Amino acid sequence: MIAEIQVAPSPPGRPDDRHAHVEAAIAVIKASGLRCEVGALGTTLEGDADVVWATLRAAHEAMLAAGATSGISHLKVATVNRTMDSLTAKFR
């Protein structure tokens, strides 16, 4: 499964770290053991569907636990038999 998440916390961070709440979500994704790529507008994950879904939820919850008073997570999910590389190789 491939998924992309963009967290949109409010506020996005703290005065001393403007993106702290976003970075908390990214840290959870990186710690998941899934293949992931952080992009300018979201993070793409690849792996077993159950692990991907659990990681998406954990990333959203990490954003809130880091101090965001509210937040929206924008998700794209593909359950096709493809990989991140197969979808992007032509453009790299």
PDB file of N, CA and C in Angstrom:
ATOM      1  N   MET A   1       0.842  -1.164   0.000  1.00  0.00           N
ATOM      2  CA  MET A   1       0.000   0.000   0.000  1.00  0.00           C
ATOM      3  C   MET A   1       0.891   1.232   0.000  1.00  0.00           C
ATOM      4  N   ILE A   2       0.441   2.270  -0.692  1.00  0.00           N
ATOM      5  CA  ILE A   2       1.133   3.551  -0.699  1.00  0.00           C
ATOM      6  C   ILE A   2       0.166   4.595  -0.153  1.00  0.00           C
ATOM      7  N   ALA A   3       0.663   5.474   0.685  1.00  0.00           N
ATOM      8  CA  ALA A   3      -0.161   6.551   1.217  1.00  0.00           C
ATOM      9  C   ALA A   3       0.687   7.803   1.337  1.00  0.00           C
ATOM     10  N   GLU A   4       0.001   8.929   1.281  1.00  0.00           N
ATOM     11  CA  GLU A   4       0.656  10.206   1.530  1.00  0.00           C
ATOM     12  C   GLU A   4      -0.151  10.942   2.577  1.00  0.00           C
ATOM     13  N   ILE A   5       0.546  11.552   3.516  1.00  0.00           N
ATOM     14  CA  ILE A   5      -0.110  12.335   4.561  1.00  0.00           C
ATOM     15  C   ILE A   5       0.499  13.729   4.593  1.00  0.00           C
ATOM     16  N   GLN A   6      -0.365  14.692   4.730  1.00  0.00           N
ATOM     17  CA  GLN A   6       0.041  16.070   4.978  1.00  0.00           C
ATOM     18  C   GLN A   6      -0.690  16.500   6.239  1.00  0.00           C
ATOM     19  N   VAL A   7       0.045  16.756   7.304  1.00  0.00           N
ATOM     20  CA  VAL A   7      -0.584  17.228   8.527  1.00  0.00           C
ATOM     21  C   VAL A   7      -0.637  18.748   8.490  1.00  0.00           C
ATOM     22  N   ALA A   8      -1.741  19.275   8.980  1.00  0.00           N
ATOM     23  CA  ALA A   8      -1.940  20.728   9.015  1.00  0.00           C
ATOM     24  C   ALA A   8      -2.355  21.124  10.425  1.00  0.00           C
ATOM     25  N   PRO A   9      -1.374  21.236  11.333  1.00  0.00           N
ATOM     26  CA  PRO A   9      -1.691  21.574  12.715  1.00  0.00           C
ATOM     27  C   PRO A   9      -1.947  23.063  12.896  1.00  0.00           C
ATOM     28  N   SER A  10      -2.671  23.357  13.936  1.00  0.00           N
ATOM     29  CA  SER A  10      -2.882  24.746  14.333  1.00  0.00           C
ATOM     30  C   SER A  10      -2.586  24.859  15.816  1.00  0.00           C
ATOM     31  N   PRO A  11      -1.606  25.634  16.182  1.00  0.00           N
ATOM     32  CA  PRO A  11      -0.613  26.282  15.343  1.00  0.00           C
ATOM     33  C   PRO A  11       0.385  25.251  14.803  1.00  0.00           C
ATOM     34  N   PRO A  12       1.165  25.619  13.764  1.00  0.00           N
ATOM     35  CA  PRO A  12       2.089  24.652  13.177  1.00  0.00           C
ATOM     36  C   PRO A  12       3.257  24.278  14.079  1.00  0.00           C
ATOM     37  N   GLY A  13       3.532  25.107  15.070  1.00  0.00           N
ATOM     38  CA  GLY A  13       4.652  24.824  15.962  1.00  0.00           C
ATOM     39  C   GLY A  13       4.651  25.778  17.143  1.00  0.00           C
ATOM     40  N   ARG A  14       5.829  25.910  17.716  1.00  0.00           N
ATOM     41  CA  ARG A  14       6.021  26.810  18.862  1.00  0.00           C
ATOM     42  C   ARG A  14       6.867  27.998  18.415  1.00  0.00           C
ATOM     43  N   PRO A  15       6.891  29.053  19.200  1.00  0.00           N
ATOM     44  CA  PRO A  15       7.719  30.208  18.815  1.00  0.00           C
ATOM     45  C   PRO A  15       9.187  29.839  18.589  1.00  0.00           C
ATOM     46  N   ASP A  16       9.716  28.901  19.367  1.00  0.00           N
ATOM     47  CA  ASP A  16      11.119  28.502  19.234  1.00  0.00           C
ATOM     48  C   ASP A  16      11.353  27.461  18.143  1.00  0.00           C
ATOM     49  N   ASP A  17      10.285  26.831  17.633  1.00  0.00           N
ATOM     50  CA  ASP A  17      10.395  25.805  16.591  1.00  0.00           C
ATOM     51  C   ASP A  17       9.104  25.850  15.781  1.00  0.00           C
ATOM     52  N   ARG A  18       9.131  26.598  14.694  1.00  0.00           N
ATOM     53  CA  ARG A  18       7.925  26.910  13.937  1.00  0.00           C
ATOM     54  C   ARG A  18       7.206  25.705  13.343  1.00  0.00           C
ATOM     55  N   HIS A  19       7.890  24.584  13.224  1.00  0.00           N
ATOM     56  CA  HIS A  19       7.283  23.408  12.605  1.00  0.00           C
ATOM     57  C   HIS A  19       7.296  22.195  13.536  1.00  0.00           C
ATOM     58  N   ALA A  20       7.346  22.431  14.823  1.00  0.00           N
ATOM     59  CA  ALA A  20       7.485  21.343  15.797  1.00  0.00           C
ATOM     60  C   ALA A  20       6.377  20.306  15.693  1.00  0.00           C
ATOM     61  N   HIS A  21       5.151  20.714  15.456  1.00  0.00           N
ATOM     62  CA  HIS A  21       4.043  19.759  15.431  1.00  0.00           C
ATOM     63  C   HIS A  21       4.068  18.910  14.159  1.00  0.00           C
ATOM     64  N   VAL A  22       4.496  19.495  13.069  1.00  0.00           N
ATOM     65  CA  VAL A  22       4.685  18.734  11.824  1.00  0.00           C
ATOM     66  C   VAL A  22       5.838  17.748  12.003  1.00  0.00           C
ATOM     67  N   GLU A  23       6.911  18.217  12.597  1.00  0.00           N
ATOM     68  CA  GLU A  23       8.081  17.359  12.790  1.00  0.00           C
ATOM     69  C   GLU A  23       7.781  16.184  13.714  1.00  0.00           C
ATOM     70  N   ALA A  24       6.870  16.364  14.657  1.00  0.00           N
ATOM     71  CA  ALA A  24       6.476  15.251  15.533  1.00  0.00           C
ATOM     72  C   ALA A  24       5.797  14.155  14.717  1.00  0.00           C
ATOM     73  N   ALA A  25       4.965  14.538  13.771  1.00  0.00           N
ATOM     74  CA  ALA A  25       4.306  13.552  12.908  1.00  0.00           C
ATOM     75  C   ALA A  25       5.325  12.836  12.031  1.00  0.00           C
ATOM     76  N   ILE A  26       6.269  13.588  11.479  1.00  0.00           N
ATOM     77  CA  ILE A  26       7.300  12.979  10.635  1.00  0.00           C
ATOM     78  C   ILE A  26       8.158  12.011  11.435  1.00  0.00           C
ATOM     79  N   ALA A  27       8.465  12.345  12.671  1.00  0.00           N
ATOM     80  CA  ALA A  27       9.279  11.463  13.513  1.00  0.00           C
ATOM     81  C   ALA A  27       8.588  10.120  13.724  1.00  0.00           C
ATOM     82  N   VAL A  28       7.277  10.129  13.922  1.00  0.00           N
ATOM     83  CA  VAL A  28       6.522   8.880  14.088  1.00  0.00           C
ATOM     84  C   VAL A  28       6.595   8.055  12.808  1.00  0.00           C
ATOM     85  N   ILE A  29       6.454   8.711  11.681  1.00  0.00           N
ATOM     86  CA  ILE A  29       6.504   7.994  10.399  1.00  0.00           C
ATOM     87  C   ILE A  29       7.883   7.371  10.198  1.00  0.00           C
ATOM     88  N   LYS A  30       8.933   8.134  10.449  1.00  0.00           N
ATOM     89  CA  LYS A  30      10.289   7.609  10.275  1.00  0.00           C
ATOM     90  C   LYS A  30      10.576   6.452  11.230  1.00  0.00           C
ATOM     91  N   ALA A  31      10.020   6.507  12.435  1.00  0.00           N
ATOM     92  CA  ALA A  31      10.245   5.444  13.417  1.00  0.00           C
ATOM     93  C   ALA A  31       9.436   4.189  13.122  1.00  0.00           C
ATOM     94  N   SER A  32       8.502   4.260  12.200  1.00  0.00           N
ATOM     95  CA  SER A  32       7.608   3.127  11.916  1.00  0.00           C
ATOM     96  C   SER A  32       8.309   1.960  11.234  1.00  0.00           C
ATOM     97  N   GLY A  33       9.446   2.215  10.604  1.00  0.00           N
ATOM     98  CA  GLY A  33      10.127   1.171   9.857  1.00  0.00           C
ATOM     99  C   GLY A  33       9.629   1.048   8.426  1.00  0.00           C
ATOM    100  N   LEU A  34       8.589   1.806   8.072  1.00  0.00           N
ATOM    101  CA  LEU A  34       8.090   1.803   6.707  1.00  0.00           C
ATOM    102  C   LEU A  34       9.030   2.602   5.814  1.00  0.00           C
ATOM    103  N   ARG A  35       9.021   2.274   4.557  1.00  0.00           N
ATOM    104  CA  ARG A  35       9.728   3.125   3.603  1.00  0.00           C
ATOM    105  C   ARG A  35       8.965   4.438   3.545  1.00  0.00           C
ATOM    106  N   CYS A  36       9.675   5.549   3.587  1.00  0.00           N
ATOM    107  CA  CYS A  36       9.000   6.843   3.525  1.00  0.00           C
ATOM    108  C   CYS A  36       9.889   7.861   2.852  1.00  0.00           C
ATOM    109  N   GLU A  37       9.245   8.861   2.281  1.00  0.00           N
ATOM    110  CA  GLU A  37       9.939   9.991   1.679  1.00  0.00           C
ATOM    111  C   GLU A  37       9.227  11.257   2.118  1.00  0.00           C
ATOM    112  N   VAL A  38       9.967  12.151   2.755  1.00  0.00           N
ATOM    113  CA  VAL A  38       9.422  13.433   3.165  1.00  0.00           C
ATOM    114  C   VAL A  38       9.539  14.382   1.983  1.00  0.00           C
ATOM    115  N   GLY A  39       8.415  14.981   1.618  1.00  0.00           N
ATOM    116  CA  GLY A  39       8.388  15.939   0.525  1.00  0.00           C
ATOM    117  C   GLY A  39       8.039  17.317   1.042  1.00  0.00           C
ATOM    118  N   ALA A  40       8.008  18.269   0.150  1.00  0.00           N
ATOM    119  CA  ALA A  40       7.731  19.650   0.526  1.00  0.00           C
ATOM    120  C   ALA A  40       6.316  19.833   1.059  1.00  0.00           C
ATOM    121  N   LEU A  41       5.369  19.030   0.572  1.00  0.00           N
ATOM    122  CA  LEU A  41       3.971  19.220   0.957  1.00  0.00           C
ATOM    123  C   LEU A  41       3.333  17.975   1.554  1.00  0.00           C
ATOM    124  N   GLY A  42       4.143  16.986   1.897  1.00  0.00           N
ATOM    125  CA  GLY A  42       3.597  15.775   2.495  1.00  0.00           C
ATOM    126  C   GLY A  42       4.649  14.693   2.567  1.00  0.00           C
ATOM    127  N   THR A  43       4.289  13.611   3.232  1.00  0.00           N
ATOM    128  CA  THR A  43       5.196  12.474   3.382  1.00  0.00           C
ATOM    129  C   THR A  43       4.521  11.239   2.816  1.00  0.00           C
ATOM    130  N   THR A  44       5.243  10.504   1.981  1.00  0.00           N
ATOM    131  CA  THR A  44       4.735   9.291   1.349  1.00  0.00           C
ATOM    132  C   THR A  44       5.282   8.081   2.089  1.00  0.00           C
ATOM    133  N   LEU A  45       4.395   7.111   2.340  1.00  0.00           N
ATOM    134  CA  LEU A  45       4.755   5.879   3.047  1.00  0.00           C
ATOM    135  C   LEU A  45       4.426   4.689   2.150  1.00  0.00           C
ATOM    136  N   GLU A  46       5.147   3.608   2.344  1.00  0.00           N
ATOM    137  CA  GLU A  46       4.898   2.396   1.573  1.00  0.00           C
ATOM    138  C   GLU A  46       5.106   1.188   2.471  1.00  0.00           C
ATOM    139  N   GLY A  47       4.173   0.239   2.413  1.00  0.00           N
ATOM    140  CA  GLY A  47       4.335  -0.979   3.184  1.00  0.00           C
ATOM    141  C   GLY A  47       3.031  -1.716   3.376  1.00  0.00           C
ATOM    142  N   ASP A  48       3.027  -2.619   4.329  1.00  0.00           N
ATOM    143  CA  ASP A  48       1.858  -3.410   4.664  1.00  0.00           C
ATOM    144  C   ASP A  48       0.699  -2.488   5.049  1.00  0.00           C
ATOM    145  N   ALA A  49      -0.477  -2.761   4.519  1.00  0.00           N
ATOM    146  CA  ALA A  49      -1.628  -1.876   4.723  1.00  0.00           C
ATOM    147  C   ALA A  49      -1.945  -1.635   6.195  1.00  0.00           C
ATOM    148  N   ASP A  50      -1.924  -2.672   7.014  1.00  0.00           N
ATOM    149  CA  ASP A  50      -2.243  -2.492   8.432  1.00  0.00           C
ATOM    150  C   ASP A  50      -1.240  -1.573   9.120  1.00  0.00           C
ATOM    151  N   VAL A  51       0.012  -1.705   8.764  1.00  0.00           N
ATOM    152  CA  VAL A  51       1.049  -0.868   9.369  1.00  0.00           C
ATOM    153  C   VAL A  51       0.924   0.568   8.853  1.00  0.00           C
ATOM    154  N   VAL A  52       0.643   0.726   7.571  1.00  0.00           N
ATOM    155  CA  VAL A  52       0.474   2.068   7.014  1.00  0.00           C
ATOM    156  C   VAL A  52      -0.686   2.785   7.694  1.00  0.00           C
ATOM    157  N   TRP A  53      -1.850   2.118   7.798  1.00  0.00           N
ATOM    158  CA  TRP A  53      -3.008   2.754   8.448  1.00  0.00           C
ATOM    159  C   TRP A  53      -2.699   3.132   9.895  1.00  0.00           C
ATOM    160  N   ALA A  54      -2.054   2.241  10.615  1.00  0.00           N
ATOM    161  CA  ALA A  54      -1.712   2.533  12.018  1.00  0.00           C
ATOM    162  C   ALA A  54      -0.739   3.714  12.108  1.00  0.00           C
ATOM    163  N   THR A  55       0.180   3.789  11.177  1.00  0.00           N
ATOM    164  CA  THR A  55       1.161   4.871  11.179  1.00  0.00           C
ATOM    165  C   THR A  55       0.509   6.208  10.831  1.00  0.00           C
ATOM    166  N   LEU A  56      -0.427   6.204   9.901  1.00  0.00           N
ATOM    167  CA  LEU A  56      -1.144   7.434   9.566  1.00  0.00           C
ATOM    168  C   LEU A  56      -1.872   7.979  10.798  1.00  0.00           C
ATOM    169  N   ARG A  57      -2.535   7.090  11.518  1.00  0.00           N
ATOM    170  CA  ARG A  57      -3.237   7.511  12.729  1.00  0.00           C
ATOM    171  C   ARG A  57      -2.249   8.021  13.779  1.00  0.00           C
ATOM    172  N   ALA A  58      -1.163   7.293  13.958  1.00  0.00           N
ATOM    173  CA  ALA A  58      -0.163   7.686  14.959  1.00  0.00           C
ATOM    174  C   ALA A  58       0.461   9.038  14.613  1.00  0.00           C
ATOM    175  N   ALA A  59       0.676   9.306  13.337  1.00  0.00           N
ATOM    176  CA  ALA A  59       1.244  10.593  12.922  1.00  0.00           C
ATOM    177  C   ALA A  59       0.277  11.730  13.247  1.00  0.00           C
ATOM    178  N   HIS A  60      -0.993  11.526  12.968  1.00  0.00           N
ATOM    179  CA  HIS A  60      -2.006  12.535  13.281  1.00  0.00           C
ATOM    180  C   HIS A  60      -2.049  12.781  14.791  1.00  0.00           C
ATOM    181  N   GLU A  61      -2.044  11.718  15.560  1.00  0.00           N
ATOM    182  CA  GLU A  61      -2.095  11.853  17.015  1.00  0.00           C
ATOM    183  C   GLU A  61      -0.822  12.494  17.565  1.00  0.00           C
ATOM    184  N   ALA A  62       0.325  12.228  16.942  1.00  0.00           N
ATOM    185  CA  ALA A  62       1.591  12.828  17.390  1.00  0.00           C
ATOM    186  C   ALA A  62       1.579  14.335  17.193  1.00  0.00           C
ATOM    187  N   MET A  63       0.971  14.789  16.111  1.00  0.00           N
ATOM    188  CA  MET A  63       0.849  16.220  15.859  1.00  0.00           C
ATOM    189  C   MET A  63       0.106  16.891  17.010  1.00  0.00           C
ATOM    190  N   LEU A  64      -0.966  16.265  17.468  1.00  0.00           N
ATOM    191  CA  LEU A  64      -1.758  16.820  18.568  1.00  0.00           C
ATOM    192  C   LEU A  64      -1.021  16.693  19.895  1.00  0.00           C
ATOM    193  N   ALA A  65      -0.379  15.557  20.115  1.00  0.00           N
ATOM    194  CA  ALA A  65       0.357  15.339  21.368  1.00  0.00           C
ATOM    195  C   ALA A  65       1.534  16.311  21.508  1.00  0.00           C
ATOM    196  N   ALA A  66       2.054  16.783  20.367  1.00  0.00           N
ATOM    197  CA  ALA A  66       3.182  17.715  20.397  1.00  0.00           C
ATOM    198  C   ALA A  66       2.752  19.123  20.796  1.00  0.00           C
ATOM    199  N   GLY A  67       1.427  19.348  20.847  1.00  0.00           N
ATOM    200  CA  GLY A  67       0.965  20.649  21.307  1.00  0.00           C
ATOM    201  C   GLY A  67       0.024  21.394  20.386  1.00  0.00           C
ATOM    202  N   ALA A  68      -0.281  20.840  19.216  1.00  0.00           N
ATOM    203  CA  ALA A  68      -1.247  21.497  18.343  1.00  0.00           C
ATOM    204  C   ALA A  68      -2.612  21.474  19.030  1.00  0.00           C
ATOM    205  N   THR A  69      -3.315  22.576  18.976  1.00  0.00           N
ATOM    206  CA  THR A  69      -4.642  22.628  19.595  1.00  0.00           C
ATOM    207  C   THR A  69      -5.698  21.999  18.703  1.00  0.00           C
ATOM    208  N   SER A  70      -5.414  21.921  17.408  1.00  0.00           N
ATOM    209  CA  SER A  70      -6.277  21.223  16.454  1.00  0.00           C
ATOM    210  C   SER A  70      -5.442  20.888  15.234  1.00  0.00           C
ATOM    211  N   GLY A  71      -5.991  20.074  14.376  1.00  0.00           N
ATOM    212  CA  GLY A  71      -5.245  19.727  13.169  1.00  0.00           C
ATOM    213  C   GLY A  71      -6.075  18.921  12.209  1.00  0.00           C
ATOM    214  N   ILE A  72      -5.704  19.008  10.959  1.00  0.00           N
ATOM    215  CA  ILE A  72      -6.322  18.234   9.893  1.00  0.00           C
ATOM    216  C   ILE A  72      -5.215  17.452   9.210  1.00  0.00           C
ATOM    217  N   SER A  73      -5.472  16.194   8.923  1.00  0.00           N
ATOM    218  CA  SER A  73      -4.534  15.403   8.137  1.00  0.00           C
ATOM    219  C   SER A  73      -5.183  15.091   6.795  1.00  0.00           C
ATOM    220  N   HIS A  74      -4.491  15.467   5.737  1.00  0.00           N
ATOM    221  CA  HIS A  74      -4.949  15.199   4.379  1.00  0.00           C
ATOM    222  C   HIS A  74      -4.278  13.906   3.933  1.00  0.00           C
ATOM    223  N   LEU A  75      -5.074  12.934   3.494  1.00  0.00           N
ATOM    224  CA  LEU A  75      -4.543  11.628   3.125  1.00  0.00           C
ATOM    225  C   LEU A  75      -4.821  11.307   1.664  1.00  0.00           C
ATOM    226  N   LYS A  76      -3.878  10.627   1.060  1.00  0.00           N
ATOM    227  CA  LYS A  76      -4.071   9.980  -0.239  1.00  0.00           C
ATOM    228  C   LYS A  76      -3.650   8.540  -0.021  1.00  0.00           C
ATOM    229  N   VAL A  77      -4.486   7.610  -0.453  1.00  0.00           N
ATOM    230  CA  VAL A  77      -4.205   6.194  -0.233  1.00  0.00           C
ATOM    231  C   VAL A  77      -4.391   5.437  -1.539  1.00  0.00           C
ATOM    232  N   ALA A  78      -3.419   4.612  -1.873  1.00  0.00           N
ATOM    233  CA  ALA A  78      -3.485   3.790  -3.074  1.00  0.00           C
ATOM    234  C   ALA A  78      -3.276   2.331  -2.686  1.00  0.00           C
ATOM    235  N   THR A  79      -4.210   1.518  -3.032  1.00  0.00           N
ATOM    236  CA  THR A  79      -4.090   0.091  -2.744  1.00  0.00           C
ATOM    237  C   THR A  79      -3.788  -0.686  -4.020  1.00  0.00           C
ATOM    238  N   VAL A  80      -3.076  -0.041  -4.913  1.00  0.00           N
ATOM    239  CA  VAL A  80      -2.670  -0.684  -6.159  1.00  0.00           C
ATOM    240  C   VAL A  80      -1.424  -1.509  -5.923  1.00  0.00           C
ATOM    241  N   ASN A  81      -1.169  -2.419  -6.822  1.00  0.00           N
ATOM    242  CA  ASN A  81       0.016  -3.274  -6.710  1.00  0.00           C
ATOM    243  C   ASN A  81       1.205  -2.560  -7.357  1.00  0.00           C
ATOM    244  N   ARG A  82       1.540  -1.394  -6.826  1.00  0.00           N
ATOM    245  CA  ARG A  82       2.644  -0.590  -7.337  1.00  0.00           C
ATOM    246  C   ARG A  82       3.534  -0.193  -6.176  1.00  0.00           C
ATOM    247  N   THR A  83       4.689   0.336  -6.504  1.00  0.00           N
ATOM    248  CA  THR A  83       5.607   0.838  -5.480  1.00  0.00           C
ATOM    249  C   THR A  83       5.870   2.318  -5.725  1.00  0.00           C
ATOM    250  N   MET A  84       6.436   2.964  -4.741  1.00  0.00           N
ATOM    251  CA  MET A  84       6.806   4.368  -4.908  1.00  0.00           C
ATOM    252  C   MET A  84       7.760   4.512  -6.089  1.00  0.00           C
ATOM    253  N   ASP A  85       8.718   3.601  -6.189  1.00  0.00           N
ATOM    254  CA  ASP A  85       9.690   3.675  -7.283  1.00  0.00           C
ATOM    255  C   ASP A  85       9.035   3.502  -8.642  1.00  0.00           C
ATOM    256  N   SER A  86       8.099   2.576  -8.744  1.00  0.00           N
ATOM    257  CA  SER A  86       7.465   2.343 -10.045  1.00  0.00           C
ATOM    258  C   SER A  86       6.633   3.533 -10.494  1.00  0.00           C
ATOM    259  N   LEU A  87       6.145   4.311  -9.554  1.00  0.00           N
ATOM    260  CA  LEU A  87       5.336   5.473  -9.902  1.00  0.00           C
ATOM    261  C   LEU A  87       6.179   6.713 -10.202  1.00  0.00           C
ATOM    262  N   THR A  88       7.423   6.729  -9.738  1.00  0.00           N
ATOM    263  CA  THR A  88       8.226   7.940  -9.899  1.00  0.00           C
ATOM    264  C   THR A  88       9.483   7.753 -10.745  1.00  0.00           C
ATOM    265  N   ALA A  89       9.885   6.539 -11.042  1.00  0.00           N
ATOM    266  CA  ALA A  89      11.154   6.283 -11.747  1.00  0.00           C
ATOM    267  C   ALA A  89      11.262   7.049 -13.059  1.00  0.00           C
ATOM    268  N   LYS A  90      10.184   7.152 -13.778  1.00  0.00           N
ATOM    269  CA  LYS A  90      10.178   7.839 -15.071  1.00  0.00           C
ATOM    270  C   LYS A  90      10.587   9.303 -14.943  1.00  0.00           C
ATOM    271  N   PHE A  91      10.365   9.885 -13.767  1.00  0.00           N
ATOM    272  CA  PHE A  91      10.596  11.308 -13.579  1.00  0.00           C
ATOM    273  C   PHE A  91      11.882  11.623 -12.826  1.00  0.00           C
ATOM    274  N   ARG A  92      12.641  10.617 -12.493  1.00  0.00           N
ATOM    275  CA  ARG A  92      13.868  10.849 -11.717  1.00  0.00           C
ATOM    276  C   ARG A  92      15.091  10.597 -12.560  1.00  0.00           C
TER     277      ARG A  92
END
